[in-house]
Amino acid sequence: MLKLMFEWEETPGAKTLSNPSQGKPASGFADEPARLTPRQAAFYRNLVRLAEQVGSRTLPITFLTKQGASKRMDHGCIKIAEHANFIEPLADSPSGVVETISLSWNVVPAPK
């Protein structure tokens, strides 16, 4: 499992990470479109940091925090990001649940 190399940003009183749970199919993500809130903005910043770390636009939704705790991205934040076209439409993995999300733009690693 991927371990974050950065501190996941949270907005006070508005978590964007949850404890891992049974996977959910794309059709089960039901949150409505929402305005940009400080919580959602922090979620987007975290997605960019994660893309920088993995060097890809495809990101796992479950990972280990920098402290080693197993966490998953909040399903509501994921669905709102999909509505905003920040990420590609959700898709089930071969196991029938969403395991990754993909940013709506290509990530090109920085030259070394």
PDB file of N, CA and C in Angstrom:
ATOM      1  N   MET A   1       0.853  -1.183   0.000  1.00  0.00           N
ATOM      2  CA  MET A   1       0.000   0.000   0.000  1.00  0.00           C
ATOM      3  C   MET A   1       0.893   1.238   0.000  1.00  0.00           C
ATOM      4  N   LEU A   2       0.511   2.220  -0.767  1.00  0.00           N
ATOM      5  CA  LEU A   2       1.253   3.470  -0.879  1.00  0.00           C
ATOM      6  C   LEU A   2       1.278   4.203   0.459  1.00  0.00           C
ATOM      7  N   LYS A   3       2.433   4.740   0.825  1.00  0.00           N
ATOM      8  CA  LYS A   3       2.559   5.583   2.015  1.00  0.00           C
ATOM      9  C   LYS A   3       2.811   7.018   1.561  1.00  0.00           C
ATOM     10  N   LEU A   4       2.023   7.945   2.096  1.00  0.00           N
ATOM     11  CA  LEU A   4       2.185   9.359   1.765  1.00  0.00           C
ATOM     12  C   LEU A   4       3.532   9.865   2.257  1.00  0.00           C
ATOM     13  N   MET A   5       4.133  10.708   1.442  1.00  0.00           N
ATOM     14  CA  MET A   5       5.392  11.329   1.811  1.00  0.00           C
ATOM     15  C   MET A   5       5.158  12.798   2.188  1.00  0.00           C
ATOM     16  N   PHE A   6       3.905  13.167   2.397  1.00  0.00           N
ATOM     17  CA  PHE A   6       3.552  14.527   2.796  1.00  0.00           C
ATOM     18  C   PHE A   6       2.440  14.446   3.829  1.00  0.00           C
ATOM     19  N   GLU A   7       2.241  15.532   4.552  1.00  0.00           N
ATOM     20  CA  GLU A   7       1.190  15.608   5.552  1.00  0.00           C
ATOM     21  C   GLU A   7      -0.135  15.932   4.852  1.00  0.00           C
ATOM     22  N   TRP A   8      -1.135  15.055   4.943  1.00  0.00           N
ATOM     23  CA  TRP A   8      -2.449  15.266   4.330  1.00  0.00           C
ATOM     24  C   TRP A   8      -3.099  16.459   5.019  1.00  0.00           C
ATOM     25  N   GLU A   9      -3.479  17.458   4.264  1.00  0.00           N
ATOM     26  CA  GLU A   9      -4.077  18.676   4.813  1.00  0.00           C
ATOM     27  C   GLU A   9      -5.551  18.447   5.138  1.00  0.00           C
ATOM     28  N   GLU A  10      -5.945  18.835   6.331  1.00  0.00           N
ATOM     29  CA  GLU A  10      -7.344  18.799   6.728  1.00  0.00           C
ATOM     30  C   GLU A  10      -7.782  20.192   7.156  1.00  0.00           C
ATOM     31  N   THR A  11      -9.042  20.508   6.926  1.00  0.00           N
ATOM     32  CA  THR A  11      -9.621  21.758   7.388  1.00  0.00           C
ATOM     33  C   THR A  11     -10.224  21.497   8.766  1.00  0.00           C
ATOM     34  N   PRO A  12      -9.984  22.348   9.753  1.00  0.00           N
ATOM     35  CA  PRO A  12     -10.527  22.092  11.094  1.00  0.00           C
ATOM     36  C   PRO A  12     -12.027  21.800  11.051  1.00  0.00           C
ATOM     37  N   GLY A  13     -12.405  20.693  11.661  1.00  0.00           N
ATOM     38  CA  GLY A  13     -13.808  20.304  11.748  1.00  0.00           C
ATOM     39  C   GLY A  13     -14.397  19.737  10.472  1.00  0.00           C
ATOM     40  N   ALA A  14     -13.580  19.503   9.456  1.00  0.00           N
ATOM     41  CA  ALA A  14     -14.098  19.032   8.164  1.00  0.00           C
ATOM     42  C   ALA A  14     -13.131  18.019   7.553  1.00  0.00           C
ATOM     43  N   LYS A  15     -13.177  16.798   8.019  1.00  0.00           N
ATOM     44  CA  LYS A  15     -12.258  15.753   7.579  1.00  0.00           C
ATOM     45  C   LYS A  15     -12.499  15.354   6.127  1.00  0.00           C
ATOM     46  N   THR A  16     -11.404  15.036   5.429  1.00  0.00           N
ATOM     47  CA  THR A  16     -11.492  14.534   4.051  1.00  0.00           C
ATOM     48  C   THR A  16     -10.945  13.111   3.947  1.00  0.00           C
ATOM     49  N   LEU A  17     -10.577  12.532   5.097  1.00  0.00           N
ATOM     50  CA  LEU A  17     -10.129  11.140   5.158  1.00  0.00           C
ATOM     51  C   LEU A  17     -11.026  10.376   6.115  1.00  0.00           C
ATOM     52  N   SER A  18     -11.199   9.102   5.833  1.00  0.00           N
ATOM     53  CA  SER A  18     -11.972   8.213   6.691  1.00  0.00           C
ATOM     54  C   SER A  18     -11.164   6.945   6.919  1.00  0.00           C
ATOM     55  N   ASN A  19     -11.604   6.148   7.876  1.00  0.00           N
ATOM     56  CA  ASN A  19     -10.993   4.842   8.052  1.00  0.00           C
ATOM     57  C   ASN A  19     -11.401   3.961   6.880  1.00  0.00           C
ATOM     58  N   PRO A  20     -10.515   3.055   6.477  1.00  0.00           N
ATOM     59  CA  PRO A  20     -10.873   2.167   5.364  1.00  0.00           C
ATOM     60  C   PRO A  20     -12.150   1.399   5.677  1.00  0.00           C
ATOM     61  N   SER A  21     -12.927   1.164   4.654  1.00  0.00           N
ATOM     62  CA  SER A  21     -14.169   0.410   4.793  1.00  0.00           C
ATOM     63  C   SER A  21     -14.329  -0.463   3.562  1.00  0.00           C
ATOM     64  N   GLN A  22     -15.382  -1.236   3.551  1.00  0.00           N
ATOM     65  CA  GLN A  22     -15.647  -2.053   2.380  1.00  0.00           C
ATOM     66  C   GLN A  22     -15.772  -1.140   1.167  1.00  0.00           C
ATOM     67  N   GLY A  23     -15.233  -1.571   0.045  1.00  0.00           N
ATOM     68  CA  GLY A  23     -15.267  -0.758  -1.170  1.00  0.00           C
ATOM     69  C   GLY A  23     -16.683  -0.426  -1.608  1.00  0.00           C
ATOM     70  N   LYS A  24     -16.777   0.601  -2.431  1.00  0.00           N
ATOM     71  CA  LYS A  24     -18.070   1.067  -2.919  1.00  0.00           C
ATOM     72  C   LYS A  24     -18.007   1.157  -4.440  1.00  0.00           C
ATOM     73  N   PRO A  25     -19.048   0.654  -5.130  1.00  0.00           N
ATOM     74  CA  PRO A  25     -19.067   0.802  -6.590  1.00  0.00           C
ATOM     75  C   PRO A  25     -19.319   2.258  -6.979  1.00  0.00           C
ATOM     76  N   ALA A  26     -18.909   2.619  -8.183  1.00  0.00           N
ATOM     77  CA  ALA A  26     -19.081   3.995  -8.662  1.00  0.00           C
ATOM     78  C   ALA A  26     -20.534   4.451  -8.547  1.00  0.00           C
ATOM     79  N   SER A  27     -21.472   3.552  -8.795  1.00  0.00           N
ATOM     80  CA  SER A  27     -22.896   3.915  -8.721  1.00  0.00           C
ATOM     81  C   SER A  27     -23.344   4.248  -7.304  1.00  0.00           C
ATOM     82  N   GLY A  28     -22.554   3.894  -6.297  1.00  0.00           N
ATOM     83  CA  GLY A  28     -22.902   4.164  -4.908  1.00  0.00           C
ATOM     84  C   GLY A  28     -22.460   5.525  -4.405  1.00  0.00           C
ATOM     85  N   PHE A  29     -21.687   6.249  -5.192  1.00  0.00           N
ATOM     86  CA  PHE A  29     -21.263   7.603  -4.820  1.00  0.00           C
ATOM     87  C   PHE A  29     -22.381   8.550  -5.215  1.00  0.00           C
ATOM     88  N   ALA A  30     -23.077   9.132  -4.226  1.00  0.00           N
ATOM     89  CA  ALA A  30     -24.312   9.848  -4.539  1.00  0.00           C
ATOM     90  C   ALA A  30     -24.335  11.322  -4.155  1.00  0.00           C
ATOM     91  N   ASP A  31     -23.242  11.882  -3.663  1.00  0.00           N
ATOM     92  CA  ASP A  31     -23.271  13.287  -3.254  1.00  0.00           C
ATOM     93  C   ASP A  31     -23.595  14.197  -4.435  1.00  0.00           C
ATOM     94  N   GLU A  32     -24.290  15.263  -4.146  1.00  0.00           N
ATOM     95  CA  GLU A  32     -24.693  16.244  -5.152  1.00  0.00           C
ATOM     96  C   GLU A  32     -23.556  17.223  -5.427  1.00  0.00           C
ATOM     97  N   PRO A  33     -23.593  17.923  -6.558  1.00  0.00           N
ATOM     98  CA  PRO A  33     -22.609  18.987  -6.793  1.00  0.00           C
ATOM     99  C   PRO A  33     -22.659  19.995  -5.642  1.00  0.00           C
ATOM    100  N   ALA A  34     -21.525  20.603  -5.352  1.00  0.00           N
ATOM    101  CA  ALA A  34     -21.460  21.554  -4.244  1.00  0.00           C
ATOM    102  C   ALA A  34     -20.515  22.686  -4.599  1.00  0.00           C
ATOM    103  N   ARG A  35     -20.666  23.780  -3.897  1.00  0.00           N
ATOM    104  CA  ARG A  35     -19.779  24.923  -4.118  1.00  0.00           C
ATOM    105  C   ARG A  35     -18.405  24.587  -3.556  1.00  0.00           C
ATOM    106  N   LEU A  36     -17.431  25.385  -3.920  1.00  0.00           N
ATOM    107  CA  LEU A  36     -16.081  25.195  -3.415  1.00  0.00           C
ATOM    108  C   LEU A  36     -16.006  25.690  -1.976  1.00  0.00           C
ATOM    109  N   THR A  37     -15.773  24.766  -1.079  1.00  0.00           N
ATOM    110  CA  THR A  37     -15.648  25.078   0.344  1.00  0.00           C
ATOM    111  C   THR A  37     -14.178  24.933   0.748  1.00  0.00           C
ATOM    112  N   PRO A  38     -13.797  25.443   1.910  1.00  0.00           N
ATOM    113  CA  PRO A  38     -12.421  25.218   2.371  1.00  0.00           C
ATOM    114  C   PRO A  38     -12.085  23.723   2.449  1.00  0.00           C
ATOM    115  N   ARG A  39     -13.046  22.899   2.839  1.00  0.00           N
ATOM    116  CA  ARG A  39     -12.827  21.453   2.907  1.00  0.00           C
ATOM    117  C   ARG A  39     -12.504  20.882   1.529  1.00  0.00           C
ATOM    118  N   GLN A  40     -13.309  21.244   0.526  1.00  0.00           N
ATOM    119  CA  GLN A  40     -13.092  20.702  -0.814  1.00  0.00           C
ATOM    120  C   GLN A  40     -11.807  21.255  -1.424  1.00  0.00           C
ATOM    121  N   ALA A  41     -11.492  22.509  -1.146  1.00  0.00           N
ATOM    122  CA  ALA A  41     -10.240  23.088  -1.648  1.00  0.00           C
ATOM    123  C   ALA A  41      -9.042  22.342  -1.068  1.00  0.00           C
ATOM    124  N   ALA A  42      -9.088  21.999   0.230  1.00  0.00           N
ATOM    125  CA  ALA A  42      -8.005  21.225   0.844  1.00  0.00           C
ATOM    126  C   ALA A  42      -7.916  19.853   0.183  1.00  0.00           C
ATOM    127  N   PHE A  43      -9.053  19.246  -0.115  1.00  0.00           N
ATOM    128  CA  PHE A  43      -9.060  17.941  -0.790  1.00  0.00           C
ATOM    129  C   PHE A  43      -8.369  18.041  -2.145  1.00  0.00           C
ATOM    130  N   TYR A  44      -8.673  19.071  -2.919  1.00  0.00           N
ATOM    131  CA  TYR A  44      -8.039  19.249  -4.226  1.00  0.00           C
ATOM    132  C   TYR A  44      -6.526  19.445  -4.087  1.00  0.00           C
ATOM    133  N   ARG A  45      -6.097  20.235  -3.106  1.00  0.00           N
ATOM    134  CA  ARG A  45      -4.664  20.428  -2.895  1.00  0.00           C
ATOM    135  C   ARG A  45      -3.984  19.102  -2.565  1.00  0.00           C
ATOM    136  N   ASN A  46      -4.651  18.274  -1.760  1.00  0.00           N
ATOM    137  CA  ASN A  46      -4.100  16.960  -1.428  1.00  0.00           C
ATOM    138  C   ASN A  46      -3.996  16.070  -2.661  1.00  0.00           C
ATOM    139  N   LEU A  47      -4.975  16.139  -3.554  1.00  0.00           N
ATOM    140  CA  LEU A  47      -4.905  15.330  -4.775  1.00  0.00           C
ATOM    141  C   LEU A  47      -3.706  15.741  -5.625  1.00  0.00           C
ATOM    142  N   VAL A  48      -3.462  17.039  -5.713  1.00  0.00           N
ATOM    143  CA  VAL A  48      -2.310  17.520  -6.484  1.00  0.00           C
ATOM    144  C   VAL A  48      -1.016  17.035  -5.835  1.00  0.00           C
ATOM    145  N   ARG A  49      -0.917  17.122  -4.525  1.00  0.00           N
ATOM    146  CA  ARG A  49       0.289  16.644  -3.833  1.00  0.00           C
ATOM    147  C   ARG A  49       0.492  15.147  -4.051  1.00  0.00           C
ATOM    148  N   LEU A  50      -0.601  14.388  -3.998  1.00  0.00           N
ATOM    149  CA  LEU A  50      -0.509  12.946  -4.217  1.00  0.00           C
ATOM    150  C   LEU A  50      -0.061  12.645  -5.647  1.00  0.00           C
ATOM    151  N   ALA A  51      -0.596  13.381  -6.622  1.00  0.00           N
ATOM    152  CA  ALA A  51      -0.188  13.196  -8.019  1.00  0.00           C
ATOM    153  C   ALA A  51       1.295  13.515  -8.185  1.00  0.00           C
ATOM    154  N   GLU A  52       1.771  14.547  -7.503  1.00  0.00           N
ATOM    155  CA  GLU A  52       3.200  14.871  -7.549  1.00  0.00           C
ATOM    156  C   GLU A  52       4.026  13.724  -6.982  1.00  0.00           C
ATOM    157  N   GLN A  53       3.543  13.132  -5.884  1.00  0.00           N
ATOM    158  CA  GLN A  53       4.283  12.040  -5.259  1.00  0.00           C
ATOM    159  C   GLN A  53       4.350  10.810  -6.154  1.00  0.00           C
ATOM    160  N   VAL A  54       3.224  10.416  -6.736  1.00  0.00           N
ATOM    161  CA  VAL A  54       3.213   9.179  -7.524  1.00  0.00           C
ATOM    162  C   VAL A  54       3.609   9.404  -8.975  1.00  0.00           C
ATOM    163  N   GLY A  55       3.642  10.670  -9.421  1.00  0.00           N
ATOM    164  CA  GLY A  55       4.024  10.964 -10.799  1.00  0.00           C
ATOM    165  C   GLY A  55       3.003  10.481 -11.808  1.00  0.00           C
ATOM    166  N   SER A  56       1.745  10.498 -11.400  1.00  0.00           N
ATOM    167  CA  SER A  56       0.676  10.005 -12.266  1.00  0.00           C
ATOM    168  C   SER A  56      -0.610  10.735 -11.938  1.00  0.00           C
ATOM    169  N   ARG A  57      -1.521  10.756 -12.906  1.00  0.00           N
ATOM    170  CA  ARG A  57      -2.842  11.339 -12.648  1.00  0.00           C
ATOM    171  C   ARG A  57      -3.785  10.324 -12.027  1.00  0.00           C
ATOM    172  N   THR A  58      -3.414   9.037 -12.023  1.00  0.00           N
ATOM    173  CA  THR A  58      -4.227   7.983 -11.410  1.00  0.00           C
ATOM    174  C   THR A  58      -3.761   7.788  -9.975  1.00  0.00           C
ATOM    175  N   LEU A  59      -4.693   7.931  -9.039  1.00  0.00           N
ATOM    176  CA  LEU A  59      -4.375   7.957  -7.616  1.00  0.00           C
ATOM    177  C   LEU A  59      -5.163   6.901  -6.845  1.00  0.00           C
ATOM    178  N   PRO A  60      -4.527   6.221  -5.908  1.00  0.00           N
ATOM    179  CA  PRO A  60      -5.262   5.272  -5.068  1.00  0.00           C
ATOM    180  C   PRO A  60      -6.137   6.032  -4.076  1.00  0.00           C
ATOM    181  N   ILE A  61      -7.312   5.508  -3.768  1.00  0.00           N
ATOM    182  CA  ILE A  61      -8.148   6.199  -2.779  1.00  0.00           C
ATOM    183  C   ILE A  61      -7.865   5.705  -1.360  1.00  0.00           C
ATOM    184  N   THR A  62      -7.140   4.600  -1.227  1.00  0.00           N
ATOM    185  CA  THR A  62      -6.744   4.083   0.080  1.00  0.00           C
ATOM    186  C   THR A  62      -5.222   4.060   0.146  1.00  0.00           C
ATOM    187  N   PHE A  63      -4.676   4.491   1.273  1.00  0.00           N
ATOM    188  CA  PHE A  63      -3.222   4.587   1.420  1.00  0.00           C
ATOM    189  C   PHE A  63      -2.875   4.698   2.890  1.00  0.00           C
ATOM    190  N   LEU A  64      -1.589   4.722   3.177  1.00  0.00           N
ATOM    191  CA  LEU A  64      -1.094   4.958   4.529  1.00  0.00           C
ATOM    192  C   LEU A  64      -0.711   6.425   4.655  1.00  0.00           C
ATOM    193  N   THR A  65      -1.088   7.043   5.758  1.00  0.00           N
ATOM    194  CA  THR A  65      -0.679   8.420   6.004  1.00  0.00           C
ATOM    195  C   THR A  65       0.817   8.453   6.296  1.00  0.00           C
ATOM    196  N   LYS A  66       1.361   9.632   6.384  1.00  0.00           N
ATOM    197  CA  LYS A  66       2.783   9.795   6.701  1.00  0.00           C
ATOM    198  C   LYS A  66       3.099   9.140   8.043  1.00  0.00           C
ATOM    199  N   GLN A  67       2.132   9.111   8.950  1.00  0.00           N
ATOM    200  CA  GLN A  67       2.310   8.500  10.266  1.00  0.00           C
ATOM    201  C   GLN A  67       2.080   6.981  10.242  1.00  0.00           C
ATOM    202  N   GLY A  68       1.661   6.436   9.095  1.00  0.00           N
ATOM    203  CA  GLY A  68       1.464   4.994   8.969  1.00  0.00           C
ATOM    204  C   GLY A  68       0.051   4.500   9.209  1.00  0.00           C
ATOM    205  N   ALA A  69      -0.925   5.406   9.387  1.00  0.00           N
ATOM    206  CA  ALA A  69      -2.317   4.995   9.587  1.00  0.00           C
ATOM    207  C   ALA A  69      -2.970   4.698   8.238  1.00  0.00           C
ATOM    208  N   SER A  70      -3.746   3.636   8.170  1.00  0.00           N
ATOM    209  CA  SER A  70      -4.460   3.287   6.948  1.00  0.00           C
ATOM    210  C   SER A  70      -5.717   4.150   6.847  1.00  0.00           C
ATOM    211  N   LYS A  71      -5.858   4.869   5.726  1.00  0.00           N
ATOM    212  CA  LYS A  71      -6.992   5.774   5.514  1.00  0.00           C
ATOM    213  C   LYS A  71      -7.479   5.664   4.080  1.00  0.00           C
ATOM    214  N   ARG A  72      -8.690   6.206   3.860  1.00  0.00           N
ATOM    215  CA  ARG A  72      -9.223   6.318   2.500  1.00  0.00           C
ATOM    216  C   ARG A  72      -9.810   7.709   2.337  1.00  0.00           C
ATOM    217  N   MET A  73      -9.820   8.152   1.072  1.00  0.00           N
ATOM    218  CA  MET A  73     -10.408   9.453   0.766  1.00  0.00           C
ATOM    219  C   MET A  73     -11.902   9.419   1.053  1.00  0.00           C
ATOM    220  N   ASP A  74     -12.430  10.549   1.501  1.00  0.00           N
ATOM    221  CA  ASP A  74     -13.859  10.679   1.767  1.00  0.00           C
ATOM    222  C   ASP A  74     -14.645  10.513   0.469  1.00  0.00           C
ATOM    223  N   HIS A  75     -15.651   9.646   0.497  1.00  0.00           N
ATOM    224  CA  HIS A  75     -16.451   9.388  -0.708  1.00  0.00           C
ATOM    225  C   HIS A  75     -17.187  10.635  -1.193  1.00  0.00           C
ATOM    226  N   GLY A  76     -17.668  11.462  -0.255  1.00  0.00           N
ATOM    227  CA  GLY A  76     -18.354  12.693  -0.652  1.00  0.00           C
ATOM    228  C   GLY A  76     -17.432  13.648  -1.381  1.00  0.00           C
ATOM    229  N   CYS A  77     -16.217  13.818  -0.864  1.00  0.00           N
ATOM    230  CA  CYS A  77     -15.243  14.695  -1.533  1.00  0.00           C
ATOM    231  C   CYS A  77     -14.923  14.181  -2.926  1.00  0.00           C
ATOM    232  N   ILE A  78     -14.812  12.859  -3.054  1.00  0.00           N
ATOM    233  CA  ILE A  78     -14.527  12.267  -4.364  1.00  0.00           C
ATOM    234  C   ILE A  78     -15.654  12.584  -5.339  1.00  0.00           C
ATOM    235  N   LYS A  79     -16.896  12.386  -4.940  1.00  0.00           N
ATOM    236  CA  LYS A  79     -18.033  12.610  -5.841  1.00  0.00           C
ATOM    237  C   LYS A  79     -18.156  14.083  -6.220  1.00  0.00           C
ATOM    238  N   ILE A  80     -17.931  14.972  -5.254  1.00  0.00           N
ATOM    239  CA  ILE A  80     -17.982  16.408  -5.556  1.00  0.00           C
ATOM    240  C   ILE A  80     -16.894  16.762  -6.556  1.00  0.00           C
ATOM    241  N   ALA A  81     -15.701  16.172  -6.409  1.00  0.00           N
ATOM    242  CA  ALA A  81     -14.612  16.409  -7.367  1.00  0.00           C
ATOM    243  C   ALA A  81     -14.999  15.912  -8.758  1.00  0.00           C
ATOM    244  N   GLU A  82     -15.726  14.822  -8.827  1.00  0.00           N
ATOM    245  CA  GLU A  82     -16.197  14.315 -10.127  1.00  0.00           C
ATOM    246  C   GLU A  82     -17.197  15.299 -10.745  1.00  0.00           C
ATOM    247  N   HIS A  83     -18.150  15.774  -9.954  1.00  0.00           N
ATOM    248  CA  HIS A  83     -19.125  16.752 -10.461  1.00  0.00           C
ATOM    249  C   HIS A  83     -18.437  18.003 -10.998  1.00  0.00           C
ATOM    250  N   ALA A  84     -17.351  18.409 -10.350  1.00  0.00           N
ATOM    251  CA  ALA A  84     -16.637  19.631 -10.736  1.00  0.00           C
ATOM    252  C   ALA A  84     -15.665  19.389 -11.892  1.00  0.00           C
ATOM    253  N   ASN A  85     -15.611  18.154 -12.390  1.00  0.00           N
ATOM    254  CA  ASN A  85     -14.674  17.767 -13.454  1.00  0.00           C
ATOM    255  C   ASN A  85     -13.216  17.920 -13.033  1.00  0.00           C
ATOM    256  N   PHE A  86     -12.948  17.900 -11.731  1.00  0.00           N
ATOM    257  CA  PHE A  86     -11.574  17.903 -11.235  1.00  0.00           C
ATOM    258  C   PHE A  86     -10.951  16.529 -11.466  1.00  0.00           C
ATOM    259  N   ILE A  87     -11.809  15.496 -11.390  1.00  0.00           N
ATOM    260  CA  ILE A  87     -11.379  14.130 -11.683  1.00  0.00           C
ATOM    261  C   ILE A  87     -12.261  13.555 -12.788  1.00  0.00           C
ATOM    262  N   GLU A  88     -11.761  12.506 -13.418  1.00  0.00           N
ATOM    263  CA  GLU A  88     -12.512  11.801 -14.466  1.00  0.00           C
ATOM    264  C   GLU A  88     -13.719  11.098 -13.846  1.00  0.00           C
ATOM    265  N   PRO A  89     -14.723  10.734 -14.660  1.00  0.00           N
ATOM    266  CA  PRO A  89     -15.854   9.973 -14.119  1.00  0.00           C
ATOM    267  C   PRO A  89     -15.372   8.726 -13.376  1.00  0.00           C
ATOM    268  N   LEU A  90     -16.012   8.453 -12.259  1.00  0.00           N
ATOM    269  CA  LEU A  90     -15.636   7.300 -11.445  1.00  0.00           C
ATOM    270  C   LEU A  90     -15.870   6.008 -12.215  1.00  0.00           C
ATOM    271  N   ALA A  91     -14.993   5.056 -11.982  1.00  0.00           N
ATOM    272  CA  ALA A  91     -15.101   3.754 -12.651  1.00  0.00           C
ATOM    273  C   ALA A  91     -14.737   2.658 -11.660  1.00  0.00           C
ATOM    274  N   ASP A  92     -15.445   1.557 -11.761  1.00  0.00           N
ATOM    275  CA  ASP A  92     -15.163   0.405 -10.907  1.00  0.00           C
ATOM    276  C   ASP A  92     -13.909  -0.313 -11.385  1.00  0.00           C
ATOM    277  N   SER A  93     -13.161  -0.844 -10.441  1.00  0.00           N
ATOM    278  CA  SER A  93     -12.011  -1.696 -10.754  1.00  0.00           C
ATOM    279  C   SER A  93     -12.547  -3.082 -11.115  1.00  0.00           C
ATOM    280  N   PRO A  94     -11.686  -4.002 -11.532  1.00  0.00           N
ATOM    281  CA  PRO A  94     -12.156  -5.364 -11.812  1.00  0.00           C
ATOM    282  C   PRO A  94     -12.857  -6.021 -10.609  1.00  0.00           C
ATOM    283  N   SER A  95     -12.546  -5.559  -9.388  1.00  0.00           N
ATOM    284  CA  SER A  95     -13.197  -6.126  -8.202  1.00  0.00           C
ATOM    285  C   SER A  95     -14.604  -5.569  -7.978  1.00  0.00           C
ATOM    286  N   GLY A  96     -15.043  -4.622  -8.821  1.00  0.00           N
ATOM    287  CA  GLY A  96     -16.399  -4.094  -8.729  1.00  0.00           C
ATOM    288  C   GLY A  96     -16.566  -2.874  -7.851  1.00  0.00           C
ATOM    289  N   VAL A  97     -15.471  -2.298  -7.378  1.00  0.00           N
ATOM    290  CA  VAL A  97     -15.531  -1.094  -6.545  1.00  0.00           C
ATOM    291  C   VAL A  97     -14.512  -0.079  -7.055  1.00  0.00           C
ATOM    292  N   VAL A  98     -14.677   1.172  -6.634  1.00  0.00           N
ATOM    293  CA  VAL A  98     -13.733   2.226  -7.005  1.00  0.00           C
ATOM    294  C   VAL A  98     -12.494   2.077  -6.118  1.00  0.00           C
ATOM    295  N   GLU A  99     -11.339   1.877  -6.743  1.00  0.00           N
ATOM    296  CA  GLU A  99     -10.076   1.768  -6.013  1.00  0.00           C
ATOM    297  C   GLU A  99      -9.128   2.911  -6.331  1.00  0.00           C
ATOM    298  N   THR A 100      -9.328   3.536  -7.491  1.00  0.00           N
ATOM    299  CA  THR A 100      -8.497   4.664  -7.901  1.00  0.00           C
ATOM    300  C   THR A 100      -9.382   5.745  -8.497  1.00  0.00           C
ATOM    301  N   ILE A 101      -8.835   6.951  -8.526  1.00  0.00           N
ATOM    302  CA  ILE A 101      -9.462   8.055  -9.250  1.00  0.00           C
ATOM    303  C   ILE A 101      -8.391   8.632 -10.168  1.00  0.00           C
ATOM    304  N   SER A 102      -8.817   9.350 -11.191  1.00  0.00           N
ATOM    305  CA  SER A 102      -7.861   9.961 -12.116  1.00  0.00           C
ATOM    306  C   SER A 102      -8.158  11.441 -12.272  1.00  0.00           C
ATOM    307  N   LEU A 103      -7.125  12.248 -12.117  1.00  0.00           N
ATOM    308  CA  LEU A 103      -7.269  13.685 -12.343  1.00  0.00           C
ATOM    309  C   LEU A 103      -7.688  13.918 -13.789  1.00  0.00           C
ATOM    310  N   SER A 104      -8.318  15.026 -14.046  1.00  0.00           N
ATOM    311  CA  SER A 104      -8.817  15.342 -15.388  1.00  0.00           C
ATOM    312  C   SER A 104      -7.752  15.921 -16.298  1.00  0.00           C
ATOM    313  N   TRP A 105      -6.525  15.978 -15.846  1.00  0.00           N
ATOM    314  CA  TRP A 105      -5.439  16.479 -16.681  1.00  0.00           C
ATOM    315  C   TRP A 105      -4.245  15.555 -16.510  1.00  0.00           C
ATOM    316  N   ASN A 106      -3.326  15.626 -17.441  1.00  0.00           N
ATOM    317  CA  ASN A 106      -2.150  14.792 -17.411  1.00  0.00           C
ATOM    318  C   ASN A 106      -1.122  15.346 -16.439  1.00  0.00           C
ATOM    319  N   VAL A 107      -0.469  14.482 -15.722  1.00  0.00           N
ATOM    320  CA  VAL A 107       0.587  14.865 -14.802  1.00  0.00           C
ATOM    321  C   VAL A 107       1.910  14.485 -15.434  1.00  0.00           C
ATOM    322  N   VAL A 108       2.774  15.459 -15.604  1.00  0.00           N
ATOM    323  CA  VAL A 108       4.086  15.221 -16.181  1.00  0.00           C
ATOM    324  C   VAL A 108       5.112  15.415 -15.074  1.00  0.00           C
ATOM    325  N   PRO A 109       5.878  14.365 -14.737  1.00  0.00           N
ATOM    326  CA  PRO A 109       6.874  14.518 -13.675  1.00  0.00           C
ATOM    327  C   PRO A 109       7.890  15.605 -14.005  1.00  0.00           C
ATOM    328  N   ALA A 110       8.367  16.264 -12.967  1.00  0.00           N
ATOM    329  CA  ALA A 110       9.384  17.311 -13.130  1.00  0.00           C
ATOM    330  C   ALA A 110      10.685  16.666 -13.611  1.00  0.00           C
ATOM    331  N   PRO A 111      11.449  17.377 -14.455  1.00  0.00           N
ATOM    332  CA  PRO A 111      12.730  16.826 -14.902  1.00  0.00           C
ATOM    333  C   PRO A 111      13.675  16.660 -13.721  1.00  0.00           C
ATOM    334  N   LYS A 112      14.537  15.656 -13.817  1.00  0.00           N
ATOM    335  CA  LYS A 112      15.495  15.394 -12.723  1.00  0.00           C
ATOM    336  C   LYS A 112      16.801  16.079 -12.967  1.00  0.00           C
TER     337      LYS A 112
END
